[in-house]
């Protein structure tokens, strides 16, 4: 699916650029770093097209115990997590129906996020069906066959009413090139991934 992936990359870069532009406005106006209301409003409404009654999922990750980070990168990761938490709070207060998920960082970009995120995005019943069909473990380890991928899409589409409408990924590692994102898009979710983001960069 190179066309879908290239489009996803372009969309993520545009979202990142818009977020940085509005963050600059926030800083110029002397608003504190933890208050990105203008940027969040633009991101969710203008770029993500959030409408009343839609379900939103914001996610981030935490530093794993086995990661070795410089103090500068540890600080950046902390700021990223706090910004994601602020985005989740903003979405909850302004739009309602928002879930926030944090999980230990994946090994690297493109690695599938953990089951907890799948459940938040697609709903318990859909993920239960993926587990019962023996497909979820293969999806998570990127070993799913073409038949399993086709069946996974069937299950997700059949239960798409339980899926979220908007997903904002603020994890350190990109989720752009994952089955998680492909299936979320197939279910109709609008997805922005802002990997390796530095709120103060």
N, C-alpha and C. Protein backbone atom coordinates (compact mmCIF):
# COMPACT_ATOMS: atom_id res chain seq x y z
N UNK A 1 0.81 -1.20 0.00
CA UNK A 1 0.00 0.00 0.00
C UNK A 1 0.86 1.27 0.00
N UNK A 2 1.81 1.43 -0.90
CA UNK A 2 2.68 2.59 -0.85
C UNK A 2 1.95 3.91 -1.02
N UNK A 3 0.85 3.94 -1.80
CA UNK A 3 0.15 5.21 -2.01
C UNK A 3 -0.46 5.68 -0.70
N UNK A 4 -1.12 4.78 0.02
CA UNK A 4 -1.72 5.15 1.30
C UNK A 4 -0.64 5.61 2.28
N UNK A 5 0.49 4.92 2.31
CA UNK A 5 1.55 5.26 3.25
C UNK A 5 2.15 6.62 2.92
N UNK A 6 2.36 6.91 1.62
CA UNK A 6 2.90 8.21 1.24
C UNK A 6 1.94 9.33 1.61
N UNK A 7 0.64 9.09 1.40
CA UNK A 7 -0.36 10.08 1.79
C UNK A 7 -0.33 10.29 3.29
N UNK A 8 -0.20 9.19 4.06
CA UNK A 8 -0.15 9.29 5.52
C UNK A 8 1.05 10.12 5.95
N UNK A 9 2.20 9.88 5.34
CA UNK A 9 3.39 10.66 5.68
C UNK A 9 3.18 12.14 5.40
N UNK A 10 2.61 12.45 4.24
CA UNK A 10 2.39 13.85 3.87
C UNK A 10 1.42 14.52 4.84
N UNK A 11 0.37 13.80 5.22
CA UNK A 11 -0.61 14.35 6.16
C UNK A 11 0.03 14.60 7.52
N UNK A 12 0.84 13.66 7.99
CA UNK A 12 1.50 13.82 9.28
C UNK A 12 2.43 15.03 9.26
N UNK A 13 3.18 15.22 8.18
CA UNK A 13 4.08 16.36 8.08
C UNK A 13 3.31 17.67 8.09
N UNK A 14 2.16 17.69 7.42
CA UNK A 14 1.34 18.91 7.39
C UNK A 14 0.80 19.21 8.80
N UNK A 15 0.33 18.18 9.50
CA UNK A 15 -0.19 18.36 10.86
C UNK A 15 0.91 18.89 11.77
N UNK A 16 2.09 18.32 11.65
CA UNK A 16 3.22 18.72 12.48
C UNK A 16 3.55 20.19 12.21
N UNK A 17 3.56 20.59 10.93
CA UNK A 17 3.87 21.96 10.56
C UNK A 17 2.84 22.93 11.13
N UNK A 18 1.57 22.58 11.00
CA UNK A 18 0.51 23.46 11.51
C UNK A 18 0.60 23.58 13.03
N UNK A 19 0.85 22.46 13.71
CA UNK A 19 0.96 22.50 15.16
C UNK A 19 2.10 23.43 15.58
N UNK A 20 3.24 23.33 14.90
CA UNK A 20 4.39 24.18 15.24
C UNK A 20 4.10 25.65 14.98
N UNK A 21 3.38 25.96 13.89
CA UNK A 21 3.04 27.35 13.60
C UNK A 21 2.16 27.94 14.69
N UNK A 22 1.15 27.19 15.10
CA UNK A 22 0.26 27.71 16.12
C UNK A 22 0.94 27.75 17.49
N UNK A 23 1.86 26.81 17.73
CA UNK A 23 2.61 26.87 18.99
C UNK A 23 3.42 28.15 19.05
N UNK A 24 3.97 28.57 17.90
CA UNK A 24 4.73 29.82 17.85
C UNK A 24 3.86 31.01 18.22
N UNK A 25 2.62 31.00 17.73
CA UNK A 25 1.69 32.09 18.07
C UNK A 25 1.42 32.10 19.57
N UNK A 26 1.22 30.90 20.13
CA UNK A 26 0.98 30.79 21.57
C UNK A 26 2.15 31.39 22.35
N UNK A 27 3.37 31.03 21.94
CA UNK A 27 4.56 31.53 22.65
C UNK A 27 4.72 33.04 22.48
N UNK A 28 4.45 33.55 21.27
CA UNK A 28 4.57 34.98 21.02
C UNK A 28 3.62 35.78 21.90
N UNK A 29 2.48 35.18 22.21
CA UNK A 29 1.48 35.88 23.03
C UNK A 29 1.74 35.70 24.52
N UNK A 30 2.81 35.00 24.86
CA UNK A 30 3.19 34.86 26.27
C UNK A 30 2.38 33.84 27.04
N UNK A 31 1.69 32.96 26.33
CA UNK A 31 0.91 31.92 27.01
C UNK A 31 1.88 30.83 27.44
N UNK A 32 1.63 30.19 28.57
CA UNK A 32 2.56 29.20 29.10
C UNK A 32 2.70 28.01 28.16
N UNK A 33 3.85 27.32 28.25
CA UNK A 33 4.13 26.18 27.38
C UNK A 33 3.10 25.08 27.51
N UNK A 34 2.48 24.95 28.69
CA UNK A 34 1.52 23.87 28.88
C UNK A 34 0.15 24.22 28.31
N UNK A 35 -0.01 25.43 27.82
CA UNK A 35 -1.32 25.84 27.32
C UNK A 35 -1.26 26.03 25.81
N UNK A 36 -1.65 25.00 25.09
CA UNK A 36 -1.63 25.03 23.63
C UNK A 36 -3.05 25.09 23.07
N UNK A 37 -3.94 25.82 23.72
CA UNK A 37 -5.34 25.80 23.32
C UNK A 37 -5.54 26.18 21.85
N UNK A 38 -4.84 27.20 21.39
CA UNK A 38 -5.00 27.63 20.01
C UNK A 38 -4.54 26.53 19.06
N UNK A 39 -3.38 25.98 19.34
CA UNK A 39 -2.84 24.92 18.49
C UNK A 39 -3.73 23.69 18.50
N UNK A 40 -4.19 23.30 19.69
CA UNK A 40 -5.05 22.12 19.79
C UNK A 40 -6.36 22.34 19.04
N UNK A 41 -6.94 23.53 19.20
CA UNK A 41 -8.19 23.85 18.51
C UNK A 41 -8.01 23.74 17.01
N UNK A 42 -6.92 24.29 16.48
CA UNK A 42 -6.65 24.22 15.05
C UNK A 42 -6.41 22.78 14.61
N UNK A 43 -5.63 22.06 15.39
CA UNK A 43 -5.32 20.68 15.05
C UNK A 43 -6.58 19.83 14.99
N UNK A 44 -7.40 19.90 16.03
CA UNK A 44 -8.59 19.05 16.08
C UNK A 44 -9.68 19.50 15.11
N UNK A 45 -9.92 20.80 15.02
CA UNK A 45 -11.05 21.28 14.22
C UNK A 45 -10.68 21.49 12.75
N UNK A 46 -9.58 22.19 12.50
CA UNK A 46 -9.23 22.51 11.12
C UNK A 46 -8.62 21.30 10.42
N UNK A 47 -7.63 20.69 11.05
CA UNK A 47 -6.91 19.61 10.39
C UNK A 47 -7.60 18.25 10.51
N UNK A 48 -8.13 17.96 11.70
CA UNK A 48 -8.77 16.65 11.89
C UNK A 48 -10.27 16.69 11.60
N UNK A 49 -10.83 17.89 11.50
CA UNK A 49 -12.25 18.01 11.17
C UNK A 49 -13.17 17.43 12.21
N UNK A 50 -12.81 17.57 13.48
CA UNK A 50 -13.64 17.01 14.56
C UNK A 50 -15.03 17.65 14.55
N UNK A 51 -16.03 16.79 14.62
CA UNK A 51 -17.42 17.26 14.67
C UNK A 51 -18.05 16.81 15.99
N UNK A 52 -19.08 17.52 16.37
CA UNK A 52 -19.77 17.23 17.64
C UNK A 52 -20.21 15.77 17.68
N UNK A 53 -19.97 15.14 18.82
CA UNK A 53 -20.40 13.76 19.02
C UNK A 53 -19.40 12.71 18.56
N UNK A 54 -18.29 13.13 17.94
CA UNK A 54 -17.32 12.14 17.49
C UNK A 54 -16.44 11.66 18.64
N UNK A 55 -15.97 10.43 18.50
CA UNK A 55 -15.09 9.83 19.50
C UNK A 55 -13.63 10.08 19.13
N UNK A 56 -12.87 10.54 20.12
CA UNK A 56 -11.48 10.90 19.90
C UNK A 56 -10.58 10.03 20.77
N UNK A 57 -9.45 9.64 20.22
CA UNK A 57 -8.42 8.90 20.96
C UNK A 57 -7.10 9.66 20.84
N UNK A 58 -6.50 9.98 21.97
CA UNK A 58 -5.16 10.58 21.99
C UNK A 58 -4.26 9.58 22.70
N UNK A 59 -3.08 9.34 22.12
CA UNK A 59 -2.18 8.41 22.79
C UNK A 59 -0.74 8.90 22.77
N UNK A 60 0.03 8.38 23.72
CA UNK A 60 1.45 8.66 23.82
C UNK A 60 2.14 7.44 24.39
N UNK A 61 3.45 7.56 24.57
CA UNK A 61 4.17 6.44 25.18
C UNK A 61 5.08 6.96 26.28
N UNK A 62 5.58 6.02 27.06
CA UNK A 62 6.49 6.35 28.16
C UNK A 62 7.83 5.67 27.89
N UNK A 63 8.85 6.18 28.53
CA UNK A 63 10.19 5.60 28.37
C UNK A 63 10.23 4.21 29.02
N UNK A 64 10.71 3.21 28.27
CA UNK A 64 10.84 1.87 28.82
C UNK A 64 12.03 1.81 29.77
N UNK A 65 11.99 0.88 30.71
CA UNK A 65 13.08 0.73 31.69
C UNK A 65 14.40 0.38 31.01
N UNK A 66 14.34 -0.30 29.85
CA UNK A 66 15.58 -0.71 29.20
C UNK A 66 16.11 0.32 28.20
N UNK A 67 15.48 1.48 28.09
CA UNK A 67 15.97 2.53 27.19
C UNK A 67 17.05 3.36 27.89
N UNK A 68 18.08 3.70 27.14
CA UNK A 68 19.14 4.55 27.66
C UNK A 68 19.09 5.87 26.91
N UNK A 69 18.73 6.93 27.61
CA UNK A 69 18.53 8.23 26.98
C UNK A 69 19.49 9.27 27.54
N UNK A 70 19.85 10.21 26.69
CA UNK A 70 20.60 11.38 27.18
C UNK A 70 19.63 12.21 28.02
N UNK A 71 20.14 13.09 28.84
CA UNK A 71 19.25 13.92 29.66
C UNK A 71 18.39 14.81 28.76
N UNK A 72 18.95 15.28 27.63
CA UNK A 72 18.18 16.13 26.71
C UNK A 72 17.02 15.35 26.10
N UNK A 73 17.28 14.10 25.70
CA UNK A 73 16.21 13.31 25.09
C UNK A 73 15.18 12.89 26.14
N UNK A 74 15.63 12.62 27.35
CA UNK A 74 14.68 12.29 28.42
C UNK A 74 13.76 13.48 28.69
N UNK A 75 14.33 14.69 28.68
CA UNK A 75 13.51 15.90 28.86
C UNK A 75 12.52 16.06 27.72
N UNK A 76 12.98 15.82 26.48
CA UNK A 76 12.09 15.94 25.33
C UNK A 76 10.94 14.94 25.42
N UNK A 77 11.26 13.71 25.80
CA UNK A 77 10.23 12.68 25.92
C UNK A 77 9.21 13.06 27.00
N UNK A 78 9.70 13.65 28.08
CA UNK A 78 8.80 14.09 29.14
C UNK A 78 7.87 15.20 28.64
N UNK A 79 8.43 16.15 27.89
CA UNK A 79 7.61 17.24 27.33
C UNK A 79 6.59 16.69 26.34
N UNK A 80 7.00 15.71 25.54
CA UNK A 80 6.09 15.09 24.59
C UNK A 80 4.91 14.46 25.32
N UNK A 81 5.20 13.70 26.38
CA UNK A 81 4.13 13.05 27.14
C UNK A 81 3.19 14.07 27.76
N UNK A 82 3.76 15.15 28.33
CA UNK A 82 2.92 16.18 28.95
C UNK A 82 2.05 16.90 27.92
N UNK A 83 2.60 17.13 26.73
CA UNK A 83 1.83 17.78 25.67
C UNK A 83 0.69 16.87 25.22
N UNK A 84 0.97 15.58 25.11
CA UNK A 84 -0.09 14.62 24.75
C UNK A 84 -1.18 14.61 25.80
N UNK A 85 -0.79 14.63 27.08
CA UNK A 85 -1.78 14.67 28.16
C UNK A 85 -2.62 15.94 28.06
N UNK A 86 -1.97 17.08 27.76
CA UNK A 86 -2.70 18.34 27.58
C UNK A 86 -3.67 18.24 26.41
N UNK A 87 -3.23 17.62 25.32
CA UNK A 87 -4.11 17.45 24.16
C UNK A 87 -5.32 16.60 24.51
N UNK A 88 -5.10 15.54 25.27
CA UNK A 88 -6.20 14.69 25.70
C UNK A 88 -7.18 15.43 26.59
N UNK A 89 -6.64 16.22 27.54
CA UNK A 89 -7.51 17.01 28.42
C UNK A 89 -8.31 18.04 27.62
N UNK A 90 -7.63 18.71 26.69
CA UNK A 90 -8.30 19.71 25.86
C UNK A 90 -9.44 19.07 25.09
N UNK A 91 -9.17 17.95 24.43
CA UNK A 91 -10.21 17.28 23.65
C UNK A 91 -11.37 16.84 24.52
N UNK A 92 -11.07 16.33 25.70
CA UNK A 92 -12.12 15.89 26.61
C UNK A 92 -13.00 17.05 27.05
N UNK A 93 -12.36 18.18 27.40
CA UNK A 93 -13.12 19.33 27.88
C UNK A 93 -13.92 20.00 26.78
N UNK A 94 -13.36 20.07 25.58
CA UNK A 94 -14.01 20.80 24.49
C UNK A 94 -14.99 19.93 23.70
N UNK A 95 -14.61 18.68 23.42
CA UNK A 95 -15.42 17.85 22.55
C UNK A 95 -16.10 16.68 23.27
N UNK A 96 -15.66 16.37 24.50
CA UNK A 96 -16.20 15.21 25.21
C UNK A 96 -15.72 13.93 24.56
N UNK A 97 -16.24 12.82 24.96
CA UNK A 97 -15.99 11.50 24.36
C UNK A 97 -14.55 11.30 23.88
N UNK A 98 -13.60 11.53 24.79
CA UNK A 98 -12.18 11.38 24.46
C UNK A 98 -11.54 10.34 25.36
N UNK A 99 -10.74 9.48 24.75
CA UNK A 99 -9.95 8.50 25.50
C UNK A 99 -8.49 8.88 25.41
N UNK A 100 -7.75 8.59 26.47
CA UNK A 100 -6.31 8.84 26.48
C UNK A 100 -5.62 7.54 26.89
N UNK A 101 -4.62 7.15 26.10
CA UNK A 101 -3.89 5.91 26.39
C UNK A 101 -2.39 6.22 26.38
N UNK A 102 -1.70 5.69 27.38
CA UNK A 102 -0.25 5.78 27.45
C UNK A 102 0.29 4.37 27.63
N UNK A 103 1.35 4.05 26.92
CA UNK A 103 1.91 2.70 27.00
C UNK A 103 3.43 2.78 26.89
N UNK A 104 4.15 1.76 27.36
CA UNK A 104 5.62 1.75 27.21
C UNK A 104 6.00 1.81 25.73
N UNK A 105 6.98 2.62 25.39
CA UNK A 105 7.38 2.83 24.00
C UNK A 105 7.65 1.51 23.28
N UNK A 106 7.27 1.48 22.01
CA UNK A 106 7.58 0.32 21.17
C UNK A 106 9.08 0.32 20.87
N UNK A 107 9.61 -0.79 20.32
CA UNK A 107 11.05 -0.85 20.04
C UNK A 107 11.53 0.17 19.00
N UNK A 108 10.62 0.62 18.11
CA UNK A 108 11.04 1.57 17.10
C UNK A 108 9.89 1.97 16.19
N UNK A 109 10.15 2.88 15.27
CA UNK A 109 9.11 3.32 14.34
C UNK A 109 8.56 2.16 13.53
N UNK A 110 7.25 2.15 13.33
CA UNK A 110 6.63 1.10 12.53
C UNK A 110 6.26 -0.14 13.31
N UNK A 111 6.73 -0.26 14.55
CA UNK A 111 6.33 -1.41 15.39
C UNK A 111 4.87 -1.22 15.79
N UNK A 112 4.14 -2.31 15.85
CA UNK A 112 2.72 -2.21 16.20
C UNK A 112 2.56 -1.81 17.67
N UNK A 113 1.61 -0.93 17.94
CA UNK A 113 1.34 -0.57 19.33
C UNK A 113 0.68 -1.73 20.07
N UNK A 114 0.67 -1.69 21.39
CA UNK A 114 0.14 -2.82 22.16
C UNK A 114 -1.38 -2.95 22.09
N UNK A 115 -1.84 -4.09 22.56
CA UNK A 115 -3.27 -4.42 22.52
C UNK A 115 -4.15 -3.36 23.18
N UNK A 116 -3.67 -2.75 24.26
CA UNK A 116 -4.49 -1.77 24.96
C UNK A 116 -4.90 -0.63 24.01
N UNK A 117 -4.03 -0.25 23.10
CA UNK A 117 -4.36 0.82 22.16
C UNK A 117 -5.36 0.34 21.11
N UNK A 118 -5.21 -0.89 20.67
CA UNK A 118 -6.18 -1.46 19.72
C UNK A 118 -7.58 -1.47 20.34
N UNK A 119 -7.65 -1.85 21.62
CA UNK A 119 -8.96 -1.90 22.28
C UNK A 119 -9.57 -0.50 22.40
N UNK A 120 -8.75 0.48 22.69
CA UNK A 120 -9.25 1.86 22.79
C UNK A 120 -9.71 2.38 21.44
N UNK A 121 -9.05 1.97 20.37
CA UNK A 121 -9.38 2.47 19.03
C UNK A 121 -10.55 1.75 18.38
N UNK A 122 -10.59 0.42 18.51
CA UNK A 122 -11.58 -0.37 17.77
C UNK A 122 -12.73 -0.88 18.63
N UNK A 123 -12.56 -0.86 19.95
CA UNK A 123 -13.59 -1.37 20.84
C UNK A 123 -13.29 -2.79 21.29
N UNK A 124 -13.76 -3.10 22.47
CA UNK A 124 -13.49 -4.42 23.07
C UNK A 124 -13.98 -5.57 22.20
N UNK A 125 -15.22 -5.47 21.68
CA UNK A 125 -15.79 -6.59 20.94
C UNK A 125 -15.02 -6.89 19.66
N UNK A 126 -14.58 -5.86 18.97
CA UNK A 126 -13.82 -6.07 17.73
C UNK A 126 -12.49 -6.75 18.05
N UNK A 127 -11.79 -6.26 19.06
CA UNK A 127 -10.49 -6.85 19.40
C UNK A 127 -10.67 -8.26 19.94
N UNK A 128 -11.73 -8.50 20.70
CA UNK A 128 -12.01 -9.87 21.16
C UNK A 128 -12.16 -10.82 19.97
N UNK A 129 -12.81 -10.35 18.90
CA UNK A 129 -12.98 -11.19 17.71
C UNK A 129 -11.65 -11.43 17.02
N UNK A 130 -10.79 -10.42 16.99
CA UNK A 130 -9.46 -10.60 16.41
C UNK A 130 -8.65 -11.62 17.22
N UNK A 131 -8.81 -11.58 18.54
CA UNK A 131 -8.12 -12.53 19.41
C UNK A 131 -8.67 -13.93 19.19
N UNK A 132 -10.01 -14.06 19.18
CA UNK A 132 -10.65 -15.37 18.99
C UNK A 132 -10.25 -16.00 17.66
N UNK A 133 -10.08 -15.17 16.63
CA UNK A 133 -9.71 -15.68 15.31
C UNK A 133 -8.22 -15.97 15.21
N UNK A 134 -7.47 -15.68 16.29
CA UNK A 134 -6.02 -15.92 16.29
C UNK A 134 -5.24 -14.94 15.43
N UNK A 135 -5.85 -13.80 15.14
CA UNK A 135 -5.23 -12.83 14.23
C UNK A 135 -4.45 -11.76 14.97
N UNK A 136 -4.91 -11.34 16.13
CA UNK A 136 -4.26 -10.21 16.80
C UNK A 136 -2.78 -10.46 17.08
N UNK A 137 -2.40 -11.63 17.62
CA UNK A 137 -0.96 -11.85 17.84
C UNK A 137 -0.13 -11.71 16.57
N UNK A 138 -0.67 -12.18 15.45
CA UNK A 138 0.05 -12.07 14.17
C UNK A 138 0.13 -10.61 13.73
N UNK A 139 -0.91 -9.84 13.99
CA UNK A 139 -0.88 -8.42 13.65
C UNK A 139 0.17 -7.70 14.49
N UNK A 140 0.19 -7.99 15.78
CA UNK A 140 1.11 -7.30 16.68
C UNK A 140 2.57 -7.62 16.38
N UNK A 141 2.83 -8.82 15.86
CA UNK A 141 4.21 -9.21 15.55
C UNK A 141 4.55 -9.05 14.06
N UNK A 142 3.62 -8.47 13.32
CA UNK A 142 3.81 -8.24 11.87
C UNK A 142 4.07 -9.54 11.11
N UNK A 143 3.41 -10.61 11.52
CA UNK A 143 3.56 -11.89 10.83
C UNK A 143 2.24 -12.35 10.20
N UNK A 144 1.26 -11.47 10.14
CA UNK A 144 -0.04 -11.83 9.60
C UNK A 144 0.05 -12.15 8.11
N UNK A 145 -0.62 -13.21 7.70
CA UNK A 145 -0.68 -13.58 6.28
C UNK A 145 -1.66 -12.66 5.57
N UNK A 146 -1.66 -12.72 4.25
CA UNK A 146 -2.62 -11.89 3.49
C UNK A 146 -4.05 -12.29 3.82
N UNK A 147 -4.30 -13.57 4.05
CA UNK A 147 -5.64 -14.02 4.44
C UNK A 147 -6.03 -13.45 5.81
N UNK A 148 -5.08 -13.46 6.74
CA UNK A 148 -5.36 -12.91 8.07
C UNK A 148 -5.61 -11.40 8.00
N UNK A 149 -4.85 -10.71 7.16
CA UNK A 149 -5.05 -9.26 7.01
C UNK A 149 -6.43 -8.97 6.43
N UNK A 150 -6.83 -9.76 5.46
CA UNK A 150 -8.15 -9.58 4.85
C UNK A 150 -9.25 -9.86 5.88
N UNK A 151 -9.08 -10.91 6.68
CA UNK A 151 -10.07 -11.24 7.71
C UNK A 151 -10.10 -10.17 8.79
N UNK A 152 -8.93 -9.64 9.16
CA UNK A 152 -8.88 -8.56 10.16
C UNK A 152 -9.66 -7.35 9.67
N UNK A 153 -9.50 -7.00 8.41
CA UNK A 153 -10.24 -5.86 7.87
C UNK A 153 -11.73 -6.12 7.88
N UNK A 154 -12.13 -7.35 7.55
CA UNK A 154 -13.56 -7.71 7.60
C UNK A 154 -14.13 -7.51 9.01
N UNK A 155 -13.38 -7.99 10.01
CA UNK A 155 -13.83 -7.88 11.40
C UNK A 155 -13.92 -6.42 11.82
N UNK A 156 -12.92 -5.64 11.48
CA UNK A 156 -12.90 -4.22 11.86
C UNK A 156 -14.04 -3.47 11.17
N UNK A 157 -14.25 -3.73 9.89
CA UNK A 157 -15.33 -3.03 9.17
C UNK A 157 -16.71 -3.43 9.69
N UNK A 158 -16.86 -4.71 10.07
CA UNK A 158 -18.15 -5.16 10.59
C UNK A 158 -18.47 -4.49 11.92
N UNK A 159 -17.43 -4.10 12.67
CA UNK A 159 -17.67 -3.47 13.98
C UNK A 159 -17.26 -2.02 14.02
N UNK A 160 -17.22 -1.37 12.85
CA UNK A 160 -16.66 -0.01 12.81
C UNK A 160 -17.46 1.02 13.59
N UNK A 161 -18.70 0.70 13.93
CA UNK A 161 -19.48 1.65 14.74
C UNK A 161 -18.90 1.81 16.14
N UNK A 162 -18.10 0.85 16.58
CA UNK A 162 -17.49 0.96 17.91
C UNK A 162 -16.11 1.60 17.86
N UNK A 163 -15.61 1.88 16.66
CA UNK A 163 -14.29 2.49 16.52
C UNK A 163 -14.35 4.00 16.76
N UNK A 164 -13.22 4.56 17.14
CA UNK A 164 -13.15 6.01 17.32
C UNK A 164 -13.12 6.68 15.94
N UNK A 165 -13.45 7.96 15.94
CA UNK A 165 -13.50 8.72 14.68
C UNK A 165 -12.18 9.45 14.38
N UNK A 166 -11.50 9.85 15.45
CA UNK A 166 -10.28 10.65 15.31
C UNK A 166 -9.21 10.09 16.23
N UNK A 167 -8.00 9.93 15.69
CA UNK A 167 -6.87 9.42 16.49
C UNK A 167 -5.70 10.39 16.35
N UNK A 168 -5.20 10.84 17.49
CA UNK A 168 -4.02 11.69 17.52
C UNK A 168 -2.92 10.93 18.24
N UNK A 169 -1.89 10.53 17.48
CA UNK A 169 -0.77 9.78 18.04
C UNK A 169 0.39 10.70 18.35
N UNK A 170 0.72 10.81 19.62
CA UNK A 170 1.86 11.62 20.05
C UNK A 170 2.86 10.73 20.78
N UNK A 171 3.11 9.57 20.18
CA UNK A 171 4.10 8.64 20.73
C UNK A 171 5.46 8.99 20.13
N UNK A 172 6.51 8.63 20.82
CA UNK A 172 7.86 8.92 20.34
C UNK A 172 8.15 8.21 19.02
N UNK A 173 7.67 6.98 18.90
CA UNK A 173 7.89 6.21 17.68
C UNK A 173 6.67 6.28 16.77
N UNK A 174 6.92 6.49 15.50
CA UNK A 174 5.84 6.64 14.52
C UNK A 174 4.97 5.39 14.43
N UNK A 175 3.67 5.63 14.28
CA UNK A 175 2.72 4.55 14.04
C UNK A 175 2.15 4.65 12.62
N UNK A 176 2.78 5.47 11.78
CA UNK A 176 2.26 5.68 10.42
C UNK A 176 2.23 4.39 9.61
N UNK A 177 3.31 3.62 9.65
CA UNK A 177 3.40 2.43 8.82
C UNK A 177 3.12 1.18 9.65
N UNK A 178 1.90 1.13 10.18
CA UNK A 178 1.48 0.00 11.00
C UNK A 178 0.14 -0.53 10.50
N UNK A 179 -0.14 -1.78 10.82
CA UNK A 179 -1.46 -2.34 10.52
C UNK A 179 -2.52 -1.63 11.36
N UNK A 180 -2.12 -1.21 12.56
CA UNK A 180 -3.03 -0.47 13.43
C UNK A 180 -3.58 0.74 12.68
N UNK A 181 -2.69 1.52 12.10
CA UNK A 181 -3.15 2.71 11.38
C UNK A 181 -3.95 2.33 10.13
N UNK A 182 -3.48 1.36 9.38
CA UNK A 182 -4.19 0.95 8.16
C UNK A 182 -5.62 0.54 8.47
N UNK A 183 -5.79 -0.25 9.52
CA UNK A 183 -7.12 -0.72 9.89
C UNK A 183 -7.98 0.41 10.46
N UNK A 184 -7.35 1.32 11.21
CA UNK A 184 -8.10 2.47 11.73
C UNK A 184 -8.62 3.32 10.56
N UNK A 185 -7.77 3.56 9.58
CA UNK A 185 -8.19 4.31 8.40
C UNK A 185 -9.29 3.57 7.64
N UNK A 186 -9.16 2.25 7.54
CA UNK A 186 -10.17 1.45 6.85
C UNK A 186 -11.53 1.57 7.54
N UNK A 187 -11.50 1.71 8.87
CA UNK A 187 -12.74 1.85 9.64
C UNK A 187 -13.28 3.27 9.58
N UNK A 188 -12.55 4.17 8.92
CA UNK A 188 -13.03 5.54 8.76
C UNK A 188 -12.41 6.55 9.69
N UNK A 189 -11.46 6.12 10.53
CA UNK A 189 -10.84 7.05 11.47
C UNK A 189 -9.89 8.00 10.74
N UNK A 190 -9.89 9.24 11.20
CA UNK A 190 -8.92 10.22 10.73
C UNK A 190 -7.76 10.19 11.72
N UNK A 191 -6.55 10.02 11.20
CA UNK A 191 -5.40 9.66 12.03
C UNK A 191 -4.25 10.63 11.78
N UNK A 192 -3.73 11.23 12.83
CA UNK A 192 -2.52 12.05 12.73
C UNK A 192 -1.47 11.47 13.66
N UNK A 193 -0.28 11.26 13.14
CA UNK A 193 0.82 10.75 13.94
C UNK A 193 1.90 11.81 14.00
N UNK A 194 2.27 12.23 15.21
CA UNK A 194 3.31 13.24 15.41
C UNK A 194 4.46 12.62 16.18
N UNK A 195 5.22 11.73 15.53
CA UNK A 195 6.30 11.03 16.22
C UNK A 195 7.49 11.93 16.50
N UNK A 196 8.21 11.57 17.55
CA UNK A 196 9.48 12.23 17.85
C UNK A 196 9.32 13.74 17.97
N UNK A 197 8.13 14.15 18.39
CA UNK A 197 7.80 15.57 18.45
C UNK A 197 8.45 16.23 19.66
N UNK A 198 8.96 17.44 19.45
CA UNK A 198 9.52 18.21 20.55
C UNK A 198 8.72 19.49 20.70
N UNK A 199 7.88 19.58 21.74
CA UNK A 199 7.05 20.77 21.93
C UNK A 199 7.84 22.06 22.03
N UNK A 200 9.11 21.96 22.40
CA UNK A 200 9.91 23.17 22.52
C UNK A 200 10.89 23.34 21.38
N UNK A 201 10.84 22.41 20.40
CA UNK A 201 11.78 22.46 19.29
C UNK A 201 11.42 23.48 18.23
